[in-house]
Amino acid sequence: MGGLSRETRIQLMLSDEELAAIDNWRFQQRMPSRAAAIRQLLNVGLRIKQLEGAVKPLRSQDYGLLTSDDGDGDKG
């Protein structure tokens, strides 16, 4: 894998809905594994954060799945 060193392991607790959203995104993007999908999503989030500048810190309970704007309840 291009000589990348991944020596640190983390444990992450997710709801069933969060895991389903990650898996759906993973398959849409044809990612090779859940771990690869999560790493990519983390990288995207960090890049967006840098573009936005300093944003008010949130607590973990403030984060959750986004719902679509059309009101049909789909997770996005």
PDB file of N, CA and C in Angstrom:
ATOM      1  N   MET A   1       0.825  -1.205   0.000  1.00  0.00           N
ATOM      2  CA  MET A   1       0.000   0.000   0.000  1.00  0.00           C
ATOM      3  C   MET A   1       0.856   1.252   0.000  1.00  0.00           C
ATOM      4  N   GLY A   2       1.778   1.365  -0.888  1.00  0.00           N
ATOM      5  CA  GLY A   2       2.552   2.583  -1.012  1.00  0.00           C
ATOM      6  C   GLY A   2       3.446   2.884   0.166  1.00  0.00           C
ATOM      7  N   GLY A   3       3.754   1.887   0.998  1.00  0.00           N
ATOM      8  CA  GLY A   3       4.651   2.109   2.119  1.00  0.00           C
ATOM      9  C   GLY A   3       4.049   2.880   3.279  1.00  0.00           C
ATOM     10  N   LEU A   4       2.734   2.999   3.323  1.00  0.00           N
ATOM     11  CA  LEU A   4       2.099   3.710   4.425  1.00  0.00           C
ATOM     12  C   LEU A   4       2.216   2.902   5.703  1.00  0.00           C
ATOM     13  N   SER A   5       2.522   3.585   6.794  1.00  0.00           N
ATOM     14  CA  SER A   5       2.625   2.918   8.082  1.00  0.00           C
ATOM     15  C   SER A   5       1.412   3.274   8.919  1.00  0.00           C
ATOM     16  N   ARG A   6       0.670   2.266   9.317  1.00  0.00           N
ATOM     17  CA  ARG A   6      -0.498   2.482  10.172  1.00  0.00           C
ATOM     18  C   ARG A   6      -0.286   1.683  11.438  1.00  0.00           C
ATOM     19  N   GLU A   7       0.371   2.299  12.394  1.00  0.00           N
ATOM     20  CA  GLU A   7       0.749   1.598  13.615  1.00  0.00           C
ATOM     21  C   GLU A   7      -0.199   1.844  14.776  1.00  0.00           C
ATOM     22  N   THR A   8      -1.069   2.827  14.651  1.00  0.00           N
ATOM     23  CA  THR A   8      -1.960   3.169  15.751  1.00  0.00           C
ATOM     24  C   THR A   8      -3.367   2.686  15.441  1.00  0.00           C
ATOM     25  N   ARG A   9      -3.939   1.984  16.388  1.00  0.00           N
ATOM     26  CA  ARG A   9      -5.297   1.465  16.243  1.00  0.00           C
ATOM     27  C   ARG A   9      -6.198   2.239  17.205  1.00  0.00           C
ATOM     28  N   ILE A  10      -7.400   2.588  16.741  1.00  0.00           N
ATOM     29  CA  ILE A  10      -8.378   3.232  17.615  1.00  0.00           C
ATOM     30  C   ILE A  10      -9.649   2.396  17.624  1.00  0.00           C
ATOM     31  N   GLN A  11     -10.370   2.511  18.713  1.00  0.00           N
ATOM     32  CA  GLN A  11     -11.671   1.852  18.812  1.00  0.00           C
ATOM     33  C   GLN A  11     -12.724   2.936  18.695  1.00  0.00           C
ATOM     34  N   LEU A  12     -13.743   2.692  17.897  1.00  0.00           N
ATOM     35  CA  LEU A  12     -14.761   3.694  17.617  1.00  0.00           C
ATOM     36  C   LEU A  12     -16.134   3.060  17.767  1.00  0.00           C
ATOM     37  N   MET A  13     -16.967   3.661  18.591  1.00  0.00           N
ATOM     38  CA  MET A  13     -18.331   3.168  18.783  1.00  0.00           C
ATOM     39  C   MET A  13     -19.269   3.971  17.882  1.00  0.00           C
ATOM     40  N   LEU A  14     -20.100   3.275  17.104  1.00  0.00           N
ATOM     41  CA  LEU A  14     -21.042   3.905  16.187  1.00  0.00           C
ATOM     42  C   LEU A  14     -22.428   3.319  16.388  1.00  0.00           C
ATOM     43  N   SER A  15     -23.431   4.125  16.073  1.00  0.00           N
ATOM     44  CA  SER A  15     -24.797   3.599  16.063  1.00  0.00           C
ATOM     45  C   SER A  15     -24.984   2.765  14.794  1.00  0.00           C
ATOM     46  N   ASP A  16     -26.031   1.971  14.769  1.00  0.00           N
ATOM     47  CA  ASP A  16     -26.332   1.180  13.572  1.00  0.00           C
ATOM     48  C   ASP A  16     -26.534   2.084  12.358  1.00  0.00           C
ATOM     49  N   GLU A  17     -27.173   3.238  12.561  1.00  0.00           N
ATOM     50  CA  GLU A  17     -27.432   4.167  11.463  1.00  0.00           C
ATOM     51  C   GLU A  17     -26.135   4.776  10.937  1.00  0.00           C
ATOM     52  N   GLU A  18     -25.225   5.131  11.839  1.00  0.00           N
ATOM     53  CA  GLU A  18     -23.938   5.688  11.415  1.00  0.00           C
ATOM     54  C   GLU A  18     -23.135   4.661  10.619  1.00  0.00           C
ATOM     55  N   LEU A  19     -23.121   3.429  11.098  1.00  0.00           N
ATOM     56  CA  LEU A  19     -22.392   2.371  10.402  1.00  0.00           C
ATOM     57  C   LEU A  19     -23.002   2.103   9.031  1.00  0.00           C
ATOM     58  N   ALA A  20     -24.321   2.098   8.945  1.00  0.00           N
ATOM     59  CA  ALA A  20     -24.989   1.895   7.657  1.00  0.00           C
ATOM     60  C   ALA A  20     -24.655   3.026   6.688  1.00  0.00           C
ATOM     61  N   ALA A  21     -24.611   4.265   7.180  1.00  0.00           N
ATOM     62  CA  ALA A  21     -24.274   5.404   6.324  1.00  0.00           C
ATOM     63  C   ALA A  21     -22.844   5.279   5.802  1.00  0.00           C
ATOM     64  N   ILE A  22     -21.922   4.863   6.665  1.00  0.00           N
ATOM     65  CA  ILE A  22     -20.533   4.668   6.234  1.00  0.00           C
ATOM     66  C   ILE A  22     -20.455   3.554   5.200  1.00  0.00           C
ATOM     67  N   ASP A  23     -21.126   2.440   5.460  1.00  0.00           N
ATOM     68  CA  ASP A  23     -21.104   1.326   4.514  1.00  0.00           C
ATOM     69  C   ASP A  23     -21.719   1.717   3.174  1.00  0.00           C
ATOM     70  N   ASN A  24     -22.829   2.439   3.190  1.00  0.00           N
ATOM     71  CA  ASN A  24     -23.453   2.888   1.937  1.00  0.00           C
ATOM     72  C   ASN A  24     -22.503   3.776   1.150  1.00  0.00           C
ATOM     73  N   TRP A  25     -21.853   4.726   1.836  1.00  0.00           N
ATOM     74  CA  TRP A  25     -20.893   5.614   1.173  1.00  0.00           C
ATOM     75  C   TRP A  25     -19.727   4.805   0.624  1.00  0.00           C
ATOM     76  N   ARG A  26     -19.241   3.860   1.430  1.00  0.00           N
ATOM     77  CA  ARG A  26     -18.117   3.013   1.018  1.00  0.00           C
ATOM     78  C   ARG A  26     -18.434   2.293  -0.290  1.00  0.00           C
ATOM     79  N   PHE A  27     -19.605   1.678  -0.376  1.00  0.00           N
ATOM     80  CA  PHE A  27     -19.952   0.924  -1.581  1.00  0.00           C
ATOM     81  C   PHE A  27     -20.162   1.854  -2.778  1.00  0.00           C
ATOM     82  N   GLN A  28     -20.759   3.025  -2.551  1.00  0.00           N
ATOM     83  CA  GLN A  28     -20.939   3.989  -3.639  1.00  0.00           C
ATOM     84  C   GLN A  28     -19.599   4.460  -4.185  1.00  0.00           C
ATOM     85  N   GLN A  29     -18.607   4.603  -3.315  1.00  0.00           N
ATOM     86  CA  GLN A  29     -17.280   5.075  -3.708  1.00  0.00           C
ATOM     87  C   GLN A  29     -16.334   3.932  -4.096  1.00  0.00           C
ATOM     88  N   ARG A  30     -16.820   2.705  -3.965  1.00  0.00           N
ATOM     89  CA  ARG A  30     -16.029   1.504  -4.265  1.00  0.00           C
ATOM     90  C   ARG A  30     -14.740   1.452  -3.443  1.00  0.00           C
ATOM     91  N   MET A  31     -14.876   1.781  -2.169  1.00  0.00           N
ATOM     92  CA  MET A  31     -13.733   1.735  -1.257  1.00  0.00           C
ATOM     93  C   MET A  31     -13.459   0.273  -0.900  1.00  0.00           C
ATOM     94  N   PRO A  32     -12.189  -0.101  -0.721  1.00  0.00           N
ATOM     95  CA  PRO A  32     -11.848  -1.504  -0.482  1.00  0.00           C
ATOM     96  C   PRO A  32     -12.227  -2.035   0.896  1.00  0.00           C
ATOM     97  N   SER A  33     -12.398  -1.146   1.870  1.00  0.00           N
ATOM     98  CA  SER A  33     -12.701  -1.610   3.229  1.00  0.00           C
ATOM     99  C   SER A  33     -13.392  -0.507   4.016  1.00  0.00           C
ATOM    100  N   ARG A  34     -13.999  -0.900   5.120  1.00  0.00           N
ATOM    101  CA  ARG A  34     -14.594   0.073   6.033  1.00  0.00           C
ATOM    102  C   ARG A  34     -13.530   1.019   6.563  1.00  0.00           C
ATOM    103  N   ALA A  35     -12.379   0.457   6.930  1.00  0.00           N
ATOM    104  CA  ALA A  35     -11.295   1.281   7.475  1.00  0.00           C
ATOM    105  C   ALA A  35     -10.858   2.336   6.464  1.00  0.00           C
ATOM    106  N   ALA A  36     -10.734   1.950   5.193  1.00  0.00           N
ATOM    107  CA  ALA A  36     -10.347   2.906   4.155  1.00  0.00           C
ATOM    108  C   ALA A  36     -11.408   3.991   4.003  1.00  0.00           C
ATOM    109  N   ALA A  37     -12.673   3.603   4.063  1.00  0.00           N
ATOM    110  CA  ALA A  37     -13.760   4.578   3.949  1.00  0.00           C
ATOM    111  C   ALA A  37     -13.732   5.561   5.112  1.00  0.00           C
ATOM    112  N   ILE A  38     -13.540   5.059   6.318  1.00  0.00           N
ATOM    113  CA  ILE A  38     -13.505   5.936   7.492  1.00  0.00           C
ATOM    114  C   ILE A  38     -12.308   6.873   7.415  1.00  0.00           C
ATOM    115  N   ARG A  39     -11.141   6.360   7.002  1.00  0.00           N
ATOM    116  CA  ARG A  39      -9.966   7.237   6.844  1.00  0.00           C
ATOM    117  C   ARG A  39     -10.244   8.331   5.826  1.00  0.00           C
ATOM    118  N   GLN A  40     -10.869   7.974   4.692  1.00  0.00           N
ATOM    119  CA  GLN A  40     -11.166   8.967   3.658  1.00  0.00           C
ATOM    120  C   GLN A  40     -12.155  10.013   4.167  1.00  0.00           C
ATOM    121  N   LEU A  41     -13.194   9.575   4.861  1.00  0.00           N
ATOM    122  CA  LEU A  41     -14.172  10.518   5.410  1.00  0.00           C
ATOM    123  C   LEU A  41     -13.528  11.446   6.437  1.00  0.00           C
ATOM    124  N   LEU A  42     -12.626  10.917   7.256  1.00  0.00           N
ATOM    125  CA  LEU A  42     -11.901  11.762   8.212  1.00  0.00           C
ATOM    126  C   LEU A  42     -11.056  12.800   7.486  1.00  0.00           C
ATOM    127  N   ASN A  43     -10.356  12.376   6.434  1.00  0.00           N
ATOM    128  CA  ASN A  43      -9.534  13.316   5.670  1.00  0.00           C
ATOM    129  C   ASN A  43     -10.378  14.405   5.026  1.00  0.00           C
ATOM    130  N   VAL A  44     -11.526  14.033   4.471  1.00  0.00           N
ATOM    131  CA  VAL A  44     -12.425  15.025   3.864  1.00  0.00           C
ATOM    132  C   VAL A  44     -12.902  16.016   4.923  1.00  0.00           C
ATOM    133  N   GLY A  45     -13.334  15.506   6.065  1.00  0.00           N
ATOM    134  CA  GLY A  45     -13.799  16.378   7.144  1.00  0.00           C
ATOM    135  C   GLY A  45     -12.719  17.325   7.631  1.00  0.00           C
ATOM    136  N   LEU A  46     -11.496  16.833   7.757  1.00  0.00           N
ATOM    137  CA  LEU A  46     -10.394  17.686   8.208  1.00  0.00           C
ATOM    138  C   LEU A  46     -10.070  18.761   7.179  1.00  0.00           C
ATOM    139  N   ARG A  47     -10.124  18.411   5.891  1.00  0.00           N
ATOM    140  CA  ARG A  47      -9.861  19.420   4.857  1.00  0.00           C
ATOM    141  C   ARG A  47     -10.946  20.490   4.842  1.00  0.00           C
ATOM    142  N   ILE A  48     -12.188  20.088   5.001  1.00  0.00           N
ATOM    143  CA  ILE A  48     -13.288  21.057   5.050  1.00  0.00           C
ATOM    144  C   ILE A  48     -13.109  21.976   6.251  1.00  0.00           C
ATOM    145  N   LYS A  49     -12.745  21.418   7.381  1.00  0.00           N
ATOM    146  CA  LYS A  49     -12.523  22.205   8.600  1.00  0.00           C
ATOM    147  C   LYS A  49     -11.450  23.262   8.357  1.00  0.00           C
ATOM    148  N   GLN A  50     -10.370  22.903   7.660  1.00  0.00           N
ATOM    149  CA  GLN A  50      -9.312  23.858   7.361  1.00  0.00           C
ATOM    150  C   GLN A  50      -9.826  24.977   6.463  1.00  0.00           C
ATOM    151  N   LEU A  51     -10.677  24.640   5.500  1.00  0.00           N
ATOM    152  CA  LEU A  51     -11.219  25.647   4.594  1.00  0.00           C
ATOM    153  C   LEU A  51     -12.162  26.604   5.309  1.00  0.00           C
ATOM    154  N   GLU A  52     -12.914  26.095   6.266  1.00  0.00           N
ATOM    155  CA  GLU A  52     -13.877  26.918   6.990  1.00  0.00           C
ATOM    156  C   GLU A  52     -13.206  27.820   8.020  1.00  0.00           C
ATOM    157  N   GLY A  53     -12.007  27.497   8.420  1.00  0.00           N
ATOM    158  CA  GLY A  53     -11.351  28.248   9.479  1.00  0.00           C
ATOM    159  C   GLY A  53     -11.834  27.769  10.831  1.00  0.00           C
ATOM    160  N   ALA A  54     -11.606  28.575  11.817  1.00  0.00           N
ATOM    161  CA  ALA A  54     -11.973  28.193  13.184  1.00  0.00           C
ATOM    162  C   ALA A  54     -13.491  28.138  13.313  1.00  0.00           C
ATOM    163  N   VAL A  55     -13.964  27.040  13.794  1.00  0.00           N
ATOM    164  CA  VAL A  55     -15.392  26.837  14.017  1.00  0.00           C
ATOM    165  C   VAL A  55     -15.586  26.531  15.484  1.00  0.00           C
ATOM    166  N   LYS A  56     -16.710  26.983  16.039  1.00  0.00           N
ATOM    167  CA  LYS A  56     -17.008  26.737  17.446  1.00  0.00           C
ATOM    168  C   LYS A  56     -16.921  25.244  17.751  1.00  0.00           C
ATOM    169  N   PRO A  57     -16.166  24.862  18.772  1.00  0.00           N
ATOM    170  CA  PRO A  57     -16.066  23.437  19.123  1.00  0.00           C
ATOM    171  C   PRO A  57     -17.424  22.860  19.523  1.00  0.00           C
ATOM    172  N   LEU A  58     -17.648  21.621  19.146  1.00  0.00           N
ATOM    173  CA  LEU A  58     -18.883  20.928  19.490  1.00  0.00           C
ATOM    174  C   LEU A  58     -18.575  19.742  20.384  1.00  0.00           C
ATOM    175  N   ARG A  59     -19.577  19.326  21.131  1.00  0.00           N
ATOM    176  CA  ARG A  59     -19.453  18.113  21.939  1.00  0.00           C
ATOM    177  C   ARG A  59     -19.801  16.913  21.072  1.00  0.00           C
ATOM    178  N   SER A  60     -19.352  15.735  21.462  1.00  0.00           N
ATOM    179  CA  SER A  60     -19.626  14.546  20.650  1.00  0.00           C
ATOM    180  C   SER A  60     -21.125  14.317  20.487  1.00  0.00           C
ATOM    181  N   GLN A  61     -21.922  14.676  21.489  1.00  0.00           N
ATOM    182  CA  GLN A  61     -23.370  14.477  21.384  1.00  0.00           C
ATOM    183  C   GLN A  61     -24.010  15.423  20.373  1.00  0.00           C
ATOM    184  N   ASP A  62     -23.286  16.472  19.934  1.00  0.00           N
ATOM    185  CA  ASP A  62     -23.813  17.396  18.940  1.00  0.00           C
ATOM    186  C   ASP A  62     -23.708  16.847  17.518  1.00  0.00           C
ATOM    187  N   TYR A  63     -22.916  15.798  17.343  1.00  0.00           N
ATOM    188  CA  TYR A  63     -22.734  15.213  16.026  1.00  0.00           C
ATOM    189  C   TYR A  63     -23.752  14.115  15.802  1.00  0.00           C
ATOM    190  N   GLY A  64     -24.132  13.928  14.554  1.00  0.00           N
ATOM    191  CA  GLY A  64     -25.059  12.864  14.208  1.00  0.00           C
ATOM    192  C   GLY A  64     -25.165  12.754  12.705  1.00  0.00           C
ATOM    193  N   LEU A  65     -26.021  11.886  12.252  1.00  0.00           N
ATOM    194  CA  LEU A  65     -26.232  11.719  10.824  1.00  0.00           C
ATOM    195  C   LEU A  65     -27.032  12.878  10.268  1.00  0.00           C
ATOM    196  N   LEU A  66     -26.727  13.251   9.046  1.00  0.00           N
ATOM    197  CA  LEU A  66     -27.496  14.279   8.363  1.00  0.00           C
ATOM    198  C   LEU A  66     -28.681  13.628   7.680  1.00  0.00           C
ATOM    199  N   THR A  67     -29.803  14.320   7.674  1.00  0.00           N
ATOM    200  CA  THR A  67     -30.965  13.834   6.943  1.00  0.00           C
ATOM    201  C   THR A  67     -31.120  14.660   5.685  1.00  0.00           C
ATOM    202  N   SER A  68     -31.777  14.080   4.683  1.00  0.00           N
ATOM    203  CA  SER A  68     -31.981  14.799   3.435  1.00  0.00           C
ATOM    204  C   SER A  68     -32.976  15.928   3.656  1.00  0.00           C
ATOM    205  N   ASP A  69     -32.893  16.949   2.804  1.00  0.00           N
ATOM    206  CA  ASP A  69     -33.764  18.117   2.936  1.00  0.00           C
ATOM    207  C   ASP A  69     -35.163  17.879   2.382  1.00  0.00           C
ATOM    208  N   ASP A  70     -35.374  16.764   1.662  1.00  0.00           N
ATOM    209  CA  ASP A  70     -36.680  16.558   1.044  1.00  0.00           C
ATOM    210  C   ASP A  70     -37.710  15.967   1.995  1.00  0.00           C
ATOM    211  N   GLY A  71     -37.298  15.716   3.248  1.00  0.00           N
ATOM    212  CA  GLY A  71     -38.249  15.290   4.257  1.00  0.00           C
ATOM    213  C   GLY A  71     -38.653  13.838   4.207  1.00  0.00           C
ATOM    214  N   ASP A  72     -37.986  13.033   3.347  1.00  0.00           N
ATOM    215  CA  ASP A  72     -38.379  11.631   3.271  1.00  0.00           C
ATOM    216  C   ASP A  72     -37.682  10.757   4.303  1.00  0.00           C
ATOM    217  N   GLY A  73     -36.824  11.363   5.117  1.00  0.00           N
ATOM    218  CA  GLY A  73     -36.195  10.631   6.206  1.00  0.00           C
ATOM    219  C   GLY A  73     -34.968   9.843   5.823  1.00  0.00           C
ATOM    220  N   ASP A  74     -34.547   9.915   4.561  1.00  0.00           N
ATOM    221  CA  ASP A  74     -33.336   9.199   4.159  1.00  0.00           C
ATOM    222  C   ASP A  74     -32.134   9.793   4.858  1.00  0.00           C
ATOM    223  N   LYS A  75     -31.218   8.937   5.230  1.00  0.00           N
ATOM    224  CA  LYS A  75     -29.969   9.407   5.814  1.00  0.00           C
ATOM    225  C   LYS A  75     -29.024   9.735   4.672  1.00  0.00           C
ATOM    226  N   GLY A  76     -28.228  10.804   4.868  1.00  0.00           N
ATOM    227  CA  GLY A  76     -27.366  11.198   3.770  1.00  0.00           C
ATOM    228  C   GLY A  76     -26.007  11.278   4.169  1.00  0.00           C
TER     229      GLY A  76
END
